Structure formats: structure tokens, C-alpha cells
Amino acid sequence: MPKKLTHKQWRLPQIQYIALGLLAIFSSFTMGVKTAGDVQTVAPMEASGTRVSGDINGDSRVDVRDAIAILEIARGYRTAKVEELFADPNGDGKLTIDDAIRILSDLSIR
């Protein structure tokens, strides 16, 4: 049968855990204050992980270069990155020739 701890013996581990917890909170706060000035803000679009529909190269504009990038991917000259798939013009999760045509069509209307 395990030996029962007295009140004094029981308080010592509690105090150690409380001290360790306070030390962890204090050090986390101190590190957070030191790095808070280094934080760079991002545009809401970047924060959500999405892009403007059709902006394949991520330059915040939909232009002929985006259509060319889609054609390169559609023809198999290179593989689409996840970030590029977020900008899929028709939202089907694939970059195809139809997507490039959609961009070029939209550009011709402007």
C-alpha cells in the first residue's frame, strides 16, 4: 500500500508546478513582446490562402502572363503549384485550356 503524503509533502510538488507554469507564461510573454515588432502584416487575400480568380502568377493582376502560365500547365510543360490552383478561373480545381481562354476572353472585353 502506498504511503500517504503529509500536507507539507503534498504542497511542495504543487508549488513547483505553479512555479514552472508561471515561468512558462512569463517566458512566452517576454518572447512574444520581443518578436511583436517583427510581425509583417499581410493582405487579407494572402492571409486566407486564396488568390484572385485567374491571377496564377500572384502579381495581383490578371493578364496575358496568367493565361500563358495556365497554357504551360495545361500542356504539361510544368506542374501546377497548390497556390496556382487557388486561382483557378472556373473553380473546378484544374488548370485547363478553357481557363486560359476565359482569361483571354475577359481581357478582350476590357
C-alpha atoms as a PDB file:
ATOM      1  CA  MET A   1       0.000   0.000   0.000  1.00  0.00           C
ATOM      2  CA  PRO A   2       1.476   3.406  -0.986  1.00  0.00           C
ATOM      3  CA  LYS A   3       2.480   5.715   1.778  1.00  0.00           C
ATOM      4  CA  LYS A   4       0.207   8.719   2.271  1.00  0.00           C
ATOM      5  CA  LEU A   5       1.775  12.123   1.740  1.00  0.00           C
ATOM      6  CA  THR A   6       1.529  14.649   4.520  1.00  0.00           C
ATOM      7  CA  HIS A   7       0.178  18.144   3.878  1.00  0.00           C
ATOM      8  CA  LYS A   8       3.699  19.614   3.689  1.00  0.00           C
ATOM      9  CA  GLN A   9       4.928  16.882   1.330  1.00  0.00           C
ATOM     10  CA  TRP A  10       1.917  17.413  -0.921  1.00  0.00           C
ATOM     11  CA  ARG A  11       2.354  21.219  -1.102  1.00  0.00           C
ATOM     12  CA  LEU A  12       5.941  21.049  -2.394  1.00  0.00           C
ATOM     13  CA  PRO A  13       5.064  19.461  -5.795  1.00  0.00           C
ATOM     14  CA  GLN A  14       2.120  21.859  -6.162  1.00  0.00           C
ATOM     15  CA  ILE A  15       4.369  24.864  -5.617  1.00  0.00           C
ATOM     16  CA  GLN A  16       6.896  23.511  -8.110  1.00  0.00           C
ATOM     17  CA  TYR A  17       4.193  23.048 -10.778  1.00  0.00           C
ATOM     18  CA  ILE A  18       2.828  26.525 -10.160  1.00  0.00           C
ATOM     19  CA  ALA A  19       6.331  27.996 -10.369  1.00  0.00           C
ATOM     20  CA  LEU A  20       7.028  26.133 -13.622  1.00  0.00           C
ATOM     21  CA  GLY A  21       3.700  27.294 -15.069  1.00  0.00           C
ATOM     22  CA  LEU A  22       4.371  30.921 -14.167  1.00  0.00           C
ATOM     23  CA  LEU A  23       7.868  30.666 -15.626  1.00  0.00           C
ATOM     24  CA  ALA A  24       6.457  29.282 -18.884  1.00  0.00           C
ATOM     25  CA  ILE A  25       3.846  32.055 -19.098  1.00  0.00           C
ATOM     26  CA  PHE A  26       6.380  34.768 -18.294  1.00  0.00           C
ATOM     27  CA  SER A  27       8.926  33.492 -20.826  1.00  0.00           C
ATOM     28  CA  SER A  28       6.271  33.124 -23.545  1.00  0.00           C
ATOM     29  CA  PHE A  29       5.086  36.675 -22.910  1.00  0.00           C
ATOM     30  CA  THR A  30       8.638  38.002 -22.954  1.00  0.00           C
ATOM     31  CA  MET A  31       9.442  36.248 -26.237  1.00  0.00           C
ATOM     32  CA  GLY A  32       6.158  37.485 -27.706  1.00  0.00           C
ATOM     33  CA  VAL A  33       6.937  41.079 -26.788  1.00  0.00           C
ATOM     34  CA  LYS A  34      10.389  40.828 -28.370  1.00  0.00           C
ATOM     35  CA  THR A  35       9.040  39.456 -31.646  1.00  0.00           C
ATOM     36  CA  ALA A  36       5.841  41.509 -31.861  1.00  0.00           C
ATOM     37  CA  GLY A  37       7.679  44.312 -33.656  1.00  0.00           C
ATOM     38  CA  ASP A  38       8.943  41.886 -36.295  1.00  0.00           C
ATOM     39  CA  VAL A  39       5.470  40.861 -37.450  1.00  0.00           C
ATOM     40  CA  GLN A  40       4.694  41.806 -41.042  1.00  0.00           C
ATOM     41  CA  THR A  41       1.077  42.425 -41.943  1.00  0.00           C
ATOM     42  CA  VAL A  42      -0.370  40.668 -44.952  1.00  0.00           C
ATOM     43  CA  ALA A  43      -3.224  41.496 -47.226  1.00  0.00           C
ATOM     44  CA  PRO A  44      -6.457  39.675 -46.359  1.00  0.00           C
ATOM     45  CA  MET A  45      -6.154  37.789 -49.640  1.00  0.00           C
ATOM     46  CA  GLU A  46      -2.736  36.395 -48.640  1.00  0.00           C
ATOM     47  CA  ALA A  47      -3.925  35.517 -45.163  1.00  0.00           C
ATOM     48  CA  SER A  48      -6.793  33.398 -46.402  1.00  0.00           C
ATOM     49  CA  GLY A  49      -4.593  31.396 -48.789  1.00  0.00           C
ATOM     50  CA  THR A  50      -6.665  32.319 -51.811  1.00  0.00           C
ATOM     51  CA  ARG A  51      -5.926  34.394 -54.862  1.00  0.00           C
ATOM     52  CA  VAL A  52      -7.940  36.475 -57.236  1.00  0.00           C
ATOM     53  CA  SER A  53      -9.602  34.238 -59.785  1.00  0.00           C
ATOM     54  CA  GLY A  54      -7.230  33.959 -62.727  1.00  0.00           C
ATOM     55  CA  ASP A  55      -4.180  35.502 -61.015  1.00  0.00           C
ATOM     56  CA  ILE A  56      -1.973  32.454 -61.478  1.00  0.00           C
ATOM     57  CA  ASN A  57       1.401  34.157 -61.007  1.00  0.00           C
ATOM     58  CA  GLY A  58       0.288  36.037 -57.866  1.00  0.00           C
ATOM     59  CA  ASP A  59       1.123  39.569 -59.023  1.00  0.00           C
ATOM     60  CA  SER A  60      -2.381  40.868 -58.100  1.00  0.00           C
ATOM     61  CA  ARG A  61      -3.293  41.347 -61.769  1.00  0.00           C
ATOM     62  CA  VAL A  62      -4.981  39.090 -64.278  1.00  0.00           C
ATOM     63  CA  ASP A  63      -3.203  39.485 -67.592  1.00  0.00           C
ATOM     64  CA  VAL A  64      -1.799  37.586 -70.573  1.00  0.00           C
ATOM     65  CA  ARG A  65       1.048  36.191 -68.451  1.00  0.00           C
ATOM     66  CA  ASP A  66      -1.508  34.331 -66.336  1.00  0.00           C
ATOM     67  CA  ALA A  67      -3.074  32.815 -69.461  1.00  0.00           C
ATOM     68  CA  ILE A  68       0.380  31.732 -70.669  1.00  0.00           C
ATOM     69  CA  ALA A  69       1.117  30.118 -67.296  1.00  0.00           C
ATOM     70  CA  ILE A  70      -2.156  28.195 -67.498  1.00  0.00           C
ATOM     71  CA  LEU A  71      -1.329  27.017 -71.012  1.00  0.00           C
ATOM     72  CA  GLU A  72       2.096  25.803 -69.841  1.00  0.00           C
ATOM     73  CA  ILE A  73       0.409  23.790 -67.092  1.00  0.00           C
ATOM     74  CA  ALA A  74      -2.373  22.509 -69.359  1.00  0.00           C
ATOM     75  CA  ARG A  75       0.125  21.292 -71.976  1.00  0.00           C
ATOM     76  CA  GLY A  76       2.261  19.557 -69.348  1.00  0.00           C
ATOM     77  CA  TYR A  77       5.337  21.785 -69.591  1.00  0.00           C
ATOM     78  CA  ARG A  78       5.206  22.242 -65.846  1.00  0.00           C
ATOM     79  CA  THR A  79       3.148  21.124 -62.848  1.00  0.00           C
ATOM     80  CA  ALA A  80       0.683  23.428 -61.120  1.00  0.00           C
ATOM     81  CA  LYS A  81       1.527  24.534 -57.590  1.00  0.00           C
ATOM     82  CA  VAL A  82      -1.139  24.478 -54.902  1.00  0.00           C
ATOM     83  CA  GLU A  83      -1.152  28.291 -54.775  1.00  0.00           C
ATOM     84  CA  GLU A  84      -1.832  28.409 -58.505  1.00  0.00           C
ATOM     85  CA  LEU A  85      -4.787  26.058 -58.159  1.00  0.00           C
ATOM     86  CA  PHE A  86      -6.371  28.506 -55.682  1.00  0.00           C
ATOM     87  CA  ALA A  87      -6.630  30.979 -58.582  1.00  0.00           C
ATOM     88  CA  ASP A  88      -8.388  28.568 -60.934  1.00  0.00           C
ATOM     89  CA  PRO A  89     -10.684  30.821 -63.002  1.00  0.00           C
ATOM     90  CA  ASN A  90     -13.660  28.456 -63.134  1.00  0.00           C
ATOM     91  CA  GLY A  91     -13.077  26.922 -59.691  1.00  0.00           C
ATOM     92  CA  ASP A  92     -13.002  23.279 -60.752  1.00  0.00           C
ATOM     93  CA  GLY A  93      -9.556  22.675 -59.235  1.00  0.00           C
ATOM     94  CA  LYS A  94      -7.840  22.078 -62.583  1.00  0.00           C
ATOM     95  CA  LEU A  95      -5.997  24.498 -64.842  1.00  0.00           C
ATOM     96  CA  THR A  96      -7.041  23.761 -68.419  1.00  0.00           C
ATOM     97  CA  ILE A  97      -7.052  25.433 -71.817  1.00  0.00           C
ATOM     98  CA  ASP A  98     -10.626  26.559 -71.088  1.00  0.00           C
ATOM     99  CA  ASP A  99      -9.305  28.572 -68.142  1.00  0.00           C
ATOM    100  CA  ALA A 100      -6.765  30.324 -70.377  1.00  0.00           C
ATOM    101  CA  ILE A 101      -9.475  31.084 -72.938  1.00  0.00           C
ATOM    102  CA  ARG A 102     -11.681  32.509 -70.182  1.00  0.00           C
ATOM    103  CA  ILE A 103      -8.908  34.878 -69.083  1.00  0.00           C
ATOM    104  CA  LEU A 104      -8.163  35.962 -72.649  1.00  0.00           C
ATOM    105  CA  SER A 105     -11.858  36.496 -73.306  1.00  0.00           C
ATOM    106  CA  ASP A 106     -12.225  38.624 -70.169  1.00  0.00           C
ATOM    107  CA  LEU A 107      -9.154  40.638 -71.152  1.00  0.00           C
ATOM    108  CA  SER A 108     -10.544  41.296 -74.644  1.00  0.00           C
ATOM    109  CA  ILE A 109     -13.731  42.775 -73.146  1.00  0.00           C
ATOM    110  CA  ARG A 110     -11.806  45.285 -71.002  1.00  0.00           C
END
